[in-house]
Each structure stands twice: as C-alpha cells, then as structure tokens.
Protein backbone atom coordinates (compact mmCIF):
# COMPACT_ATOMS: atom_id res chain seq x y z
CA MET A 1 -7.75 13.93 9.54
CA ASN A 2 -9.17 10.51 9.07
CA ILE A 3 -7.04 7.87 10.53
CA ASN A 4 -6.80 4.47 9.05
CA THR A 5 -4.92 1.47 9.39
CA LYS A 6 -2.79 2.72 6.41
CA VAL A 7 -1.12 5.22 9.04
CA PHE A 8 -0.29 2.99 11.10
CA THR A 9 1.11 0.71 8.48
CA VAL A 10 3.67 3.18 7.00
CA LEU A 11 4.59 4.62 10.44
CA ALA A 12 5.64 1.14 11.23
CA ASN A 13 8.54 1.24 9.43
CA GLN A 14 11.68 2.89 11.49
CA THR A 15 13.24 4.67 8.36
CA ARG A 16 9.90 6.12 7.55
CA LEU A 17 9.44 7.62 11.19
CA ASP A 18 13.63 8.64 10.31
CA ILE A 19 11.94 10.82 7.54
CA LEU A 20 9.40 12.48 9.15
CA GLN A 21 12.21 13.26 12.03
CA TRP A 22 14.75 14.91 9.61
CA LEU A 23 12.55 16.70 8.45
CA LYS A 24 11.12 18.00 11.49
CA ASN A 25 14.94 19.92 11.79
CA PRO A 26 16.29 19.53 8.44
CA GLU A 27 18.89 22.42 9.20
CA LYS A 28 20.07 19.84 12.23
CA GLU A 29 19.49 16.65 10.30
CA ILE A 30 20.49 17.01 6.63
CA THR A 31 23.53 17.07 6.37
CA SER A 32 24.67 16.44 3.00
CA VAL A 33 24.42 20.20 2.19
CA SER A 34 25.04 23.48 4.23
CA CYS A 35 22.58 25.15 6.65
CA GLU A 36 22.32 27.93 4.21
CA THR A 37 21.34 25.37 1.38
CA VAL A 38 18.61 23.70 3.19
CA GLN A 39 17.24 26.68 4.70
CA PHE A 40 17.36 28.10 1.03
CA MET A 41 15.52 24.86 -0.18
CA MET A 42 12.82 25.12 2.70
CA LYS A 43 12.43 28.87 1.57
CA GLU A 44 12.34 29.04 -2.04
CA LYS A 45 11.92 25.04 -3.11
CA GLY A 46 9.09 24.61 -0.09
CA GLY A 47 11.12 21.39 1.45
CA ILE A 48 14.03 18.86 0.98
CA CYS A 49 15.26 18.00 -1.99
CA VAL A 50 14.67 13.86 -2.35
CA ALA A 51 18.57 13.28 -3.31
CA ASP A 52 19.37 15.06 0.00
CA ILE A 53 16.66 12.59 1.80
CA VAL A 54 18.33 9.66 -0.05
CA LYS A 55 22.09 10.58 0.74
CA ARG A 56 20.67 11.06 4.92
CA ALA A 57 18.81 7.48 4.56
CA GLY A 58 21.54 6.08 2.84
CA LEU A 59 19.19 3.49 0.96
CA ALA A 60 18.58 2.99 -3.00
CA GLN A 61 16.89 6.35 -4.68
CA SER A 62 13.64 3.92 -5.34
CA THR A 63 13.28 2.92 -1.97
CA VAL A 64 13.45 6.24 -0.19
CA SER A 65 11.41 7.49 -3.18
CA LYS A 66 8.21 4.40 -2.25
CA TYR A 67 8.94 5.33 1.30
CA LEU A 68 8.50 9.36 0.52
CA SER A 69 5.11 8.48 -1.90
CA ASP A 70 3.57 6.55 1.44
CA LEU A 71 4.04 9.14 3.87
CA GLN A 72 2.70 11.39 1.23
CA THR A 73 -0.62 9.13 0.71
CA CYS A 74 -1.00 8.88 4.13
CA GLY A 75 -1.29 12.61 4.38
CA LEU A 76 2.00 13.16 6.41
CA LEU A 77 4.25 14.78 3.73
CA ILE A 78 3.50 17.40 1.34
CA SER A 79 6.14 17.52 -1.77
CA GLU A 80 6.57 20.20 -4.59
CA ARG A 81 7.91 19.85 -8.07
CA HIS A 82 10.26 22.17 -9.42
CA GLY A 83 11.49 21.20 -12.69
CA LYS A 84 12.87 17.94 -12.44
CA TRP A 85 13.51 17.96 -8.81
CA THR A 86 11.05 16.92 -5.87
CA TYR A 87 10.70 18.59 -2.76
CA TYR A 88 9.19 17.64 0.52
CA ARG A 89 8.25 18.82 4.02
CA ARG A 90 6.27 17.67 6.55
CA ASN A 91 2.37 18.27 6.57
CA GLU A 92 2.34 20.12 10.14
CA GLU A 93 -1.39 20.12 10.57
CA ASN A 94 -1.91 16.33 9.51
CA ILE A 95 0.77 15.23 11.74
CA GLN A 96 -1.05 17.57 14.72
CA ALA A 97 -4.58 16.04 14.11
CA LEU A 98 -2.81 12.61 14.13
CA ALA A 99 -1.82 13.59 17.39
CA LYS A 100 -4.45 14.76 18.90
CA VAL A 101 -6.75 11.57 17.48
CA ILE A 102 -3.88 9.20 18.95
CA SER A 103 -4.25 10.86 22.51
CA GLU A 104 -7.61 11.43 22.74
CA GLU A 105 -9.44 8.32 21.02
CA LEU A 106 -6.40 5.38 21.54
C-alpha cells in the first residue's frame, strides 16, 4: 500500500475511524437490523448498506456518504453496488498493509 498524507487526514476524523471499527465487527456494531440481516448483507451483498451505516453514525446521509467515499479513495473500504443500494466492507488487505508500514517505518 502506498501511504500518503491523505490516509492520515482521513483517519484523523473520529467518525471515519468509528466506521472502520463498526465494519470490523458488523454483526455486533450494526444494530439497526438483525444479526441475520447483517450476515446476509455481508455474504450476499458484499458489505453493509449505507443506510445502516448512516443510522449507526447518527449523521446526515450526505456526510456519511462523503466519509465512506474518503475511506474508499484511500483504499480502506471496498464498495459494491446492487441496484440503487451501495454496500461497504473493509479492505482488510490494505488495512493490514497500512498497519505493517506504520509498525515498520514510522
């Protein structure tokens, strides 16, 4: 993973950090729907629906969408579009690469 200052700027926001934490364990953290629904979204849709992340964040949809876009641009999230809905999950490979760079080089 190529680290640049944009990654750290994105991670400097508490809500964006929270989103990464929520998506690490969505069955526990995304409580607006049942655990079974979360499992279905992860398996069949490839992530958690934006609407459920918005509910968890308690912020405007436009704000959360911008945060998700920022995280995706930095390579920390992956999205899948199904019809009019977009689903997000963590990019574990890039998150691990970032952790490795931080631990070895900073």
